[in-house]
C-alpha atoms as a PDB file:
ATOM      1  CA  MET A   1    -177.908  11.937  34.322  1.00  0.00           C
ATOM      2  CA  GLU A   2    -176.546  15.481  35.945  1.00  0.00           C
ATOM      3  CA  ALA A   3    -175.690  15.449  39.646  1.00  0.00           C
ATOM      4  CA  GLU A   4    -178.176  17.739  41.611  1.00  0.00           C
ATOM      5  CA  PHE A   5    -175.412  19.782  43.114  1.00  0.00           C
ATOM      6  CA  LEU A   6    -171.755  20.551  42.998  1.00  0.00           C
ATOM      7  CA  THR A   7    -169.577  20.013  46.004  1.00  0.00           C
ATOM      8  CA  PRO A   8    -166.655  22.644  45.684  1.00  0.00           C
ATOM      9  CA  ASP A   9    -163.090  21.759  45.717  1.00  0.00           C
ATOM     10  CA  TRP A  10    -161.521  23.837  47.898  1.00  0.00           C
ATOM     11  CA  PRO A  11    -158.832  23.570  50.970  1.00  0.00           C
ATOM     12  CA  VAL A  12    -161.455  23.935  53.915  1.00  0.00           C
ATOM     13  CA  PRO A  13    -161.729  22.126  57.190  1.00  0.00           C
ATOM     14  CA  ALA A  14    -164.226  19.154  57.211  1.00  0.00           C
ATOM     15  CA  ARG A  15    -166.541  21.114  59.192  1.00  0.00           C
ATOM     16  CA  VAL A  16    -167.206  23.355  56.450  1.00  0.00           C
ATOM     17  CA  ARG A  17    -169.812  22.090  54.376  1.00  0.00           C
ATOM     18  CA  ALA A  18    -171.026  23.726  50.810  1.00  0.00           C
ATOM     19  CA  LEU A  19    -172.765  22.939  47.960  1.00  0.00           C
ATOM     20  CA  VAL A  20    -174.009  24.525  44.534  1.00  0.00           C
ATOM     21  CA  THR A  21    -177.391  23.201  43.220  1.00  0.00           C
ATOM     22  CA  THR A  22    -177.436  22.310  39.217  1.00  0.00           C
ATOM     23  CA  ARG A  23    -180.577  22.582  37.270  1.00  0.00           C
ATOM     24  CA  ALA A  24    -180.952  18.524  37.926  1.00  0.00           C
ATOM     25  CA  MET A  25    -182.312  19.750  41.334  1.00  0.00           C
ATOM     26  CA  GLY A  26    -184.858  22.398  39.870  1.00  0.00           C
ATOM     27  CA  ASP A  27    -185.659  25.903  40.170  1.00  0.00           C
ATOM     28  CA  MET A  28    -184.550  27.255  43.539  1.00  0.00           C
ATOM     29  CA  LYS A  29    -187.551  29.697  43.729  1.00  0.00           C
ATOM     30  CA  SER A  30    -189.787  26.519  43.484  1.00  0.00           C
ATOM     31  CA  ALA A  31    -190.934  25.358  46.799  1.00  0.00           C
ATOM     32  CA  ALA A  32    -190.496  21.612  45.594  1.00  0.00           C
ATOM     33  CA  SER A  33    -186.679  22.278  44.380  1.00  0.00           C
ATOM     34  CA  ARG A  34    -186.230  23.695  47.876  1.00  0.00           C
ATOM     35  CA  ALA A  35    -187.578  20.689  49.532  1.00  0.00           C
ATOM     36  CA  ARG A  36    -185.165  18.716  47.348  1.00  0.00           C
ATOM     37  CA  LEU A  37    -182.308  20.766  48.743  1.00  0.00           C
ATOM     38  CA  ARG A  38    -183.038  20.574  52.310  1.00  0.00           C
ATOM     39  CA  ARG A  39    -182.451  16.947  52.292  1.00  0.00           C
ATOM     40  CA  HIS A  40    -179.055  17.735  51.902  1.00  0.00           C
ATOM     41  CA  LEU A  41    -178.929  20.570  54.683  1.00  0.00           C
ATOM     42  CA  PRO A  42    -178.529  20.168  58.570  1.00  0.00           C
ATOM     43  CA  ALA A  43    -181.442  23.168  58.770  1.00  0.00           C
ATOM     44  CA  ASP A  44    -183.760  25.011  56.589  1.00  0.00           C
ATOM     45  CA  PRO A  45    -181.473  27.801  54.882  1.00  0.00           C
ATOM     46  CA  VAL A  46    -181.642  31.561  55.233  1.00  0.00           C
ATOM     47  CA  TRP A  47    -183.003  32.822  52.130  1.00  0.00           C
ATOM     48  CA  LEU A  48    -182.443  36.274  51.022  1.00  0.00           C
ATOM     49  CA  ARG A  49    -184.324  38.967  48.931  1.00  0.00           C
ATOM     50  CA  GLN A  50    -181.467  39.611  46.675  1.00  0.00           C
ATOM     51  CA  VAL A  51    -181.155  43.303  45.211  1.00  0.00           C
ATOM     52  CA  HIS A  52    -177.813  43.337  43.460  1.00  0.00           C
ATOM     53  CA  GLY A  53    -176.646  45.408  46.094  1.00  0.00           C
ATOM     54  CA  ILE A  54    -173.894  44.825  49.168  1.00  0.00           C
ATOM     55  CA  ASP A  55    -175.704  44.700  52.411  1.00  0.00           C
ATOM     56  CA  VAL A  56    -174.646  41.460  54.559  1.00  0.00           C
ATOM     57  CA  VAL A  57    -176.806  39.946  57.195  1.00  0.00           C
ATOM     58  CA  ASP A  58    -176.055  37.976  60.161  1.00  0.00           C
ATOM     59  CA  ALA A  59    -177.706  34.487  59.047  1.00  0.00           C
ATOM     60  CA  ALA A  60    -177.921  33.275  62.959  1.00  0.00           C
ATOM     61  CA  GLY A  61    -180.107  36.228  63.473  1.00  0.00           C
ATOM     62  CA  ALA A  62    -182.383  35.612  61.218  1.00  0.00           C
ATOM     63  CA  ALA A  63    -185.221  33.032  60.852  1.00  0.00           C
ATOM     64  CA  PRO A  64    -184.829  30.089  58.309  1.00  0.00           C
ATOM     65  CA  GLY A  65    -186.993  28.899  55.821  1.00  0.00           C
ATOM     66  CA  THR A  66    -189.922  29.894  53.989  1.00  0.00           C
ATOM     67  CA  PRO A  67    -192.812  31.520  55.990  1.00  0.00           C
ATOM     68  CA  ALA A  68    -195.955  29.061  56.202  1.00  0.00           C
ATOM     69  CA  GLY A  69    -198.530  29.069  53.267  1.00  0.00           C
ATOM     70  CA  ALA A  70    -196.359  30.895  50.805  1.00  0.00           C
ATOM     71  CA  SER A  71    -196.380  29.800  47.420  1.00  0.00           C
ATOM     72  CA  ALA A  72    -194.098  28.946  44.642  1.00  0.00           C
ATOM     73  CA  THR A  73    -194.633  32.431  43.077  1.00  0.00           C
ATOM     74  CA  ARG A  74    -194.156  34.256  45.964  1.00  0.00           C
ATOM     75  CA  LEU A  75    -191.065  32.559  47.112  1.00  0.00           C
ATOM     76  CA  ALA A  76    -188.795  35.240  45.450  1.00  0.00           C
ATOM     77  CA  ASP A  77    -190.319  37.864  47.509  1.00  0.00           C
ATOM     78  CA  ALA A  78    -191.172  36.083  50.939  1.00  0.00           C
ATOM     79  CA  SER A  79    -187.792  36.737  52.251  1.00  0.00           C
ATOM     80  CA  SER A  80    -188.207  40.563  52.263  1.00  0.00           C
ATOM     81  CA  THR A  81    -187.301  41.289  55.858  1.00  0.00           C
ATOM     82  CA  ARG A  82    -183.650  39.857  54.698  1.00  0.00           C
ATOM     83  CA  LEU A  83    -182.984  42.338  52.130  1.00  0.00           C
ATOM     84  CA  ALA A  84    -179.502  41.621  51.491  1.00  0.00           C
ATOM     85  CA  ASP A  85    -177.057  40.101  48.845  1.00  0.00           C
ATOM     86  CA  ALA A  86    -174.696  38.040  51.340  1.00  0.00           C
ATOM     87  CA  SER A  87    -174.812  36.436  54.747  1.00  0.00           C
ATOM     88  CA  PHE A  88    -172.688  35.076  57.126  1.00  0.00           C
ATOM     89  CA  THR A  89    -172.361  32.770  60.317  1.00  0.00           C
ATOM     90  CA  ARG A  90    -170.478  31.534  63.342  1.00  0.00           C
ATOM     91  CA  THR A  91    -173.055  29.470  64.424  1.00  0.00           C
ATOM     92  CA  LYS A  92    -173.157  25.646  63.975  1.00  0.00           C
ATOM     93  CA  ASP A  93    -175.442  24.447  61.493  1.00  0.00           C
ATOM     94  CA  ILE A  94    -176.926  27.871  60.315  1.00  0.00           C
ATOM     95  CA  VAL A  95    -176.959  27.708  56.331  1.00  0.00           C
ATOM     96  CA  CYS A  96    -176.356  30.644  54.506  1.00  0.00           C
ATOM     97  CA  VAL A  97    -177.485  30.561  50.879  1.00  0.00           C
ATOM     98  CA  ALA A  98    -177.390  32.852  47.719  1.00  0.00           C
ATOM     99  CA  MET A  99    -179.410  32.524  44.446  1.00  0.00           C
ATOM    100  CA  ALA A 100    -177.867  32.791  40.751  1.00  0.00           C
ATOM    101  CA  ALA A 101    -177.953  31.885  37.524  1.00  0.00           C
ATOM    102  CA  ASP A 102    -174.898  34.029  35.598  1.00  0.00           C
ATOM    103  CA  CYS A 103    -174.145  36.144  38.533  1.00  0.00           C
ATOM    104  CA  MET A 104    -171.417  34.950  40.680  1.00  0.00           C
ATOM    105  CA  PRO A 105    -172.060  32.930  43.759  1.00  0.00           C
ATOM    106  CA  VAL A 106    -168.673  33.569  46.444  1.00  0.00           C
ATOM    107  CA  LEU A 107    -168.339  31.187  48.968  1.00  0.00           C
ATOM    108  CA  LEU A 108    -166.299  32.522  51.744  1.00  0.00           C
ATOM    109  CA  ALA A 109    -164.686  30.392  54.884  1.00  0.00           C
ATOM    110  CA  HIS A 110    -162.270  31.137  57.714  1.00  0.00           C
ATOM    111  CA  GLU A 111    -159.299  28.639  57.527  1.00  0.00           C
ATOM    112  CA  ALA A 112    -160.129  26.983  60.752  1.00  0.00           C
ATOM    113  CA  GLY A 113    -164.088  27.138  59.978  1.00  0.00           C
ATOM    114  CA  GLU A 114    -164.796  29.544  62.559  1.00  0.00           C
ATOM    115  CA  VAL A 115    -166.898  31.816  60.359  1.00  0.00           C
ATOM    116  CA  VAL A 116    -168.619  31.068  56.694  1.00  0.00           C
ATOM    117  CA  GLY A 117    -170.423  33.289  53.931  1.00  0.00           C
ATOM    118  CA  VAL A 118    -171.553  33.639  50.755  1.00  0.00           C
ATOM    119  CA  ALA A 119    -172.081  36.490  48.693  1.00  0.00           C
ATOM    120  CA  HIS A 120    -174.359  37.214  45.279  1.00  0.00           C
ATOM    121  CA  ALA A 121    -171.843  38.904  42.913  1.00  0.00           C
ATOM    122  CA  GLY A 122    -173.364  40.169  39.773  1.00  0.00           C
ATOM    123  CA  TRP A 123    -171.944  42.792  38.313  1.00  0.00           C
ATOM    124  CA  ARG A 124    -173.356  45.568  40.107  1.00  0.00           C
ATOM    125  CA  GLY A 125    -172.887  44.044  43.452  1.00  0.00           C
ATOM    126  CA  LEU A 126    -168.980  42.924  42.461  1.00  0.00           C
ATOM    127  CA  CYS A 127    -168.512  46.372  41.352  1.00  0.00           C
ATOM    128  CA  ALA A 128    -170.046  48.283  44.546  1.00  0.00           C
ATOM    129  CA  GLY A 129    -168.073  45.868  46.688  1.00  0.00           C
ATOM    130  CA  VAL A 130    -170.190  43.085  47.871  1.00  0.00           C
ATOM    131  CA  ILE A 131    -167.152  40.844  48.237  1.00  0.00           C
ATOM    132  CA  GLU A 132    -165.250  43.332  50.404  1.00  0.00           C
ATOM    133  CA  ALA A 133    -168.307  43.773  52.477  1.00  0.00           C
ATOM    134  CA  THR A 134    -168.751  40.279  52.978  1.00  0.00           C
ATOM    135  CA  ILE A 135    -165.317  39.554  54.526  1.00  0.00           C
ATOM    136  CA  ALA A 136    -165.658  43.036  56.652  1.00  0.00           C
ATOM    137  CA  ALA A 137    -168.863  41.419  58.102  1.00  0.00           C
ATOM    138  CA  MET A 138    -167.510  38.062  58.917  1.00  0.00           C
ATOM    139  CA  ALA A 139    -164.664  40.033  61.048  1.00  0.00           C
ATOM    140  CA  ALA A 140    -161.922  37.601  60.211  1.00  0.00           C
ATOM    141  CA  PRO A 141    -158.683  38.856  58.978  1.00  0.00           C
ATOM    142  CA  ALA A 142    -158.489  38.488  55.388  1.00  0.00           C
ATOM    143  CA  GLU A 143    -154.969  36.320  55.299  1.00  0.00           C
ATOM    144  CA  ARG A 144    -156.968  33.583  56.915  1.00  0.00           C
ATOM    145  CA  VAL A 145    -160.110  33.524  54.552  1.00  0.00           C
ATOM    146  CA  LEU A 146    -160.660  30.981  51.610  1.00  0.00           C
ATOM    147  CA  ALA A 147    -162.683  31.575  48.817  1.00  0.00           C
ATOM    148  CA  TRP A 148    -164.286  29.510  46.150  1.00  0.00           C
ATOM    149  CA  LEU A 149    -165.988  31.198  43.043  1.00  0.00           C
ATOM    150  CA  GLY A 150    -169.169  29.276  41.770  1.00  0.00           C
ATOM    151  CA  PRO A 151    -170.527  29.012  38.450  1.00  0.00           C
ATOM    152  CA  ALA A 152    -171.319  32.265  36.645  1.00  0.00           C
ATOM    153  CA  ILE A 153    -171.420  33.552  33.225  1.00  0.00           C
ATOM    154  CA  GLY A 154    -167.862  33.027  31.665  1.00  0.00           C
ATOM    155  CA  PRO A 155    -165.953  35.961  29.929  1.00  0.00           C
ATOM    156  CA  GLY A 156    -166.574  34.511  26.357  1.00  0.00           C
ATOM    157  CA  ALA A 157    -170.136  34.614  26.972  1.00  0.00           C
ATOM    158  CA  TYR A 158    -170.746  37.883  29.038  1.00  0.00           C
ATOM    159  CA  GLU A 159    -170.776  41.077  26.877  1.00  0.00           C
ATOM    160  CA  ILE A 160    -171.124  44.423  28.409  1.00  0.00           C
ATOM    161  CA  GLY A 161    -171.580  47.968  27.477  1.00  0.00           C
ATOM    162  CA  ASP A 162    -168.950  50.949  28.013  1.00  0.00           C
ATOM    163  CA  GLU A 163    -171.117  52.229  31.262  1.00  0.00           C
ATOM    164  CA  VAL A 164    -170.610  49.023  32.623  1.00  0.00           C
ATOM    165  CA  ARG A 165    -166.740  48.951  32.173  1.00  0.00           C
ATOM    166  CA  ALA A 166    -166.505  52.638  32.948  1.00  0.00           C
ATOM    167  CA  ALA A 167    -168.405  51.641  36.532  1.00  0.00           C
ATOM    168  CA  PHE A 168    -165.702  49.231  37.497  1.00  0.00           C
ATOM    169  CA  LEU A 169    -162.693  51.375  36.144  1.00  0.00           C
ATOM    170  CA  ALA A 170    -164.030  54.244  38.103  1.00  0.00           C
ATOM    171  CA  ARG A 171    -163.734  51.921  41.167  1.00  0.00           C
ATOM    172  CA  ASP A 172    -160.540  50.444  40.312  1.00  0.00           C
ATOM    173  CA  ALA A 173    -158.171  51.101  37.511  1.00  0.00           C
ATOM    174  CA  ARG A 174    -156.407  47.556  37.585  1.00  0.00           C
ATOM    175  CA  ALA A 175    -159.943  46.243  36.488  1.00  0.00           C
ATOM    176  CA  VAL A 176    -159.302  47.078  33.065  1.00  0.00           C
ATOM    177  CA  GLU A 177    -157.443  43.650  32.830  1.00  0.00           C
ATOM    178  CA  ALA A 178    -161.033  41.636  32.855  1.00  0.00           C
ATOM    179  CA  PHE A 179    -162.480  43.332  29.965  1.00  0.00           C
ATOM    180  CA  ARG A 180    -161.905  42.545  25.988  1.00  0.00           C
ATOM    181  CA  ALA A 181    -163.412  44.477  23.312  1.00  0.00           C
ATOM    182  CA  THR A 182    -165.860  42.732  20.884  1.00  0.00           C
ATOM    183  CA  ARG A 183    -167.559  45.491  18.827  1.00  0.00           C
ATOM    184  CA  PRO A 184    -167.860  49.480  18.982  1.00  0.00           C
ATOM    185  CA  GLY A 185    -169.172  50.216  22.641  1.00  0.00           C
ATOM    186  CA  HIS A 186    -169.172  46.555  23.843  1.00  0.00           C
ATOM    187  CA  TRP A 187    -166.756  44.487  25.885  1.00  0.00           C
ATOM    188  CA  ASN A 188    -166.499  41.031  26.995  1.00  0.00           C
ATOM    189  CA  LEU A 189    -166.408  41.140  30.998  1.00  0.00           C
ATOM    190  CA  ASP A 190    -164.624  38.322  33.023  1.00  0.00           C
ATOM    191  CA  LEU A 191    -166.225  38.361  36.366  1.00  0.00           C
ATOM    192  CA  TYR A 192    -163.871  35.463  38.071  1.00  0.00           C
ATOM    193  CA  ALA A 193    -161.145  38.142  37.141  1.00  0.00           C
ATOM    194  CA  VAL A 194    -162.438  40.867  38.909  1.00  0.00           C
ATOM    195  CA  ALA A 195    -163.272  38.718  41.907  1.00  0.00           C
ATOM    196  CA  ARG A 196    -159.532  37.613  42.456  1.00  0.00           C
ATOM    197  CA  GLN A 197    -158.467  41.000  41.902  1.00  0.00           C
ATOM    198  CA  ARG A 198    -160.642  42.226  44.778  1.00  0.00           C
ATOM    199  CA  LEU A 199    -160.021  39.328  46.868  1.00  0.00           C
ATOM    200  CA  ALA A 200    -156.364  39.920  46.149  1.00  0.00           C
ATOM    201  CA  ALA A 201    -156.438  43.271  47.092  1.00  0.00           C
ATOM    202  CA  LEU A 202    -157.766  42.443  50.354  1.00  0.00           C
ATOM    203  CA  GLY A 203    -155.359  39.928  51.241  1.00  0.00           C
ATOM    204  CA  VAL A 204    -157.401  36.966  50.420  1.00  0.00           C
ATOM    205  CA  THR A 205    -154.722  34.416  48.439  1.00  0.00           C
ATOM    206  CA  ARG A 206    -156.518  31.136  48.456  1.00  0.00           C
ATOM    207  CA  VAL A 207    -159.077  31.479  45.570  1.00  0.00           C
ATOM    208  CA  SER A 208    -160.293  28.449  44.239  1.00  0.00           C
ATOM    209  CA  GLY A 209    -163.053  27.628  41.590  1.00  0.00           C
ATOM    210  CA  GLY A 210    -163.783  30.289  38.802  1.00  0.00           C
ATOM    211  CA  GLY A 211    -163.829  27.861  36.002  1.00  0.00           C
ATOM    212  CA  PHE A 212    -167.329  27.500  34.871  1.00  0.00           C
ATOM    213  CA  CYS A 213    -169.782  29.422  32.143  1.00  0.00           C
ATOM    214  CA  THR A 214    -173.338  29.381  33.191  1.00  0.00           C
ATOM    215  CA  ALA A 215    -174.274  30.218  29.322  1.00  0.00           C
ATOM    216  CA  SER A 216    -172.256  27.884  27.771  1.00  0.00           C
ATOM    217  CA  ASP A 217    -173.006  24.788  29.793  1.00  0.00           C
ATOM    218  CA  GLY A 218    -176.771  24.234  29.557  1.00  0.00           C
ATOM    219  CA  ALA A 219    -176.947  20.912  30.596  1.00  0.00           C
ATOM    220  CA  ARG A 220    -175.682  21.504  34.000  1.00  0.00           C
ATOM    221  CA  PHE A 221    -176.538  25.389  34.704  1.00  0.00           C
ATOM    222  CA  PHE A 222    -179.475  27.864  34.611  1.00  0.00           C
ATOM    223  CA  SER A 223    -178.481  31.125  32.573  1.00  0.00           C
ATOM    224  CA  PHE A 224    -180.915  34.217  32.330  1.00  0.00           C
ATOM    225  CA  ARG A 225    -178.915  35.631  29.644  1.00  0.00           C
ATOM    226  CA  ARG A 226    -179.221  32.330  27.550  1.00  0.00           C
ATOM    227  CA  ASP A 227    -182.589  31.192  28.685  1.00  0.00           C
ATOM    228  CA  LYS A 228    -184.025  34.724  29.590  1.00  0.00           C
ATOM    229  CA  ALA A 229    -186.167  32.924  31.834  1.00  0.00           C
ATOM    230  CA  SER A 230    -185.986  33.255  35.668  1.00  0.00           C
ATOM    231  CA  GLU A 231    -184.809  29.858  36.985  1.00  0.00           C
ATOM    232  CA  ARG A 232    -182.248  30.248  39.644  1.00  0.00           C
ATOM    233  CA  MET A 233    -179.666  27.713  41.382  1.00  0.00           C
ATOM    234  CA  ALA A 234    -178.155  28.035  44.989  1.00  0.00           C
ATOM    235  CA  ALA A 235    -175.020  28.049  46.589  1.00  0.00           C
ATOM    236  CA  ALA A 236    -174.994  27.096  50.326  1.00  0.00           C
ATOM    237  CA  ILE A 237    -172.347  26.987  53.241  1.00  0.00           C
ATOM    238  CA  TRP A 238    -172.510  25.659  56.736  1.00  0.00           C
ATOM    239  CA  ILE A 239    -170.447  25.004  59.553  1.00  0.00           C
ATOM    240  CA  CYS A 240    -171.522  21.301  61.168  1.00  0.00           C
END
């Protein structure tokens, strides 16, 4: 039986804790699955209403958990007052969380555990600068930040069109290295490669993870592109 979550392998201090759920824990839009996740956390996580943007919230200033009486079908919209795709915290036992199923969750932590954060980086958010915005909000020197790239659709499975490639190249010409031609007007995109480029440009050199493919590993991960379904996994990080 597959494990219910992955524990990131990265050189953070013991006071930084993180996990990423797998499909064995269930759909993170479900109340039952969120209850299962809660048993592994120090407090209710601060869920976000994700919109593929670059807004970042201070999780310590947002009420955690799900409003009482919210049904499973309404959970995705239950956190509408926290419209954002990333969060951070400097406060102990505040759980930052992002949902994904092909998009890339990026976990971030200060080397001494003073601040942590998570970003939901699909192609739109990644292109627009959600990683940069999250690190800026954390207000930690980039050279003291560590990153872990969580399960996302891999470069061999992620085909996009000319318009997506053009958007990335307009932002940074070096992104050309993350694309491989497949057929006329189409390219495979390596989200992990772009994330590493963006992190390196900021001065974040200690980057782990990035060896997953949600689309090809159906035993462990949900994948929107593979399944054409709405199930989501969750990436959580906190300071203990």
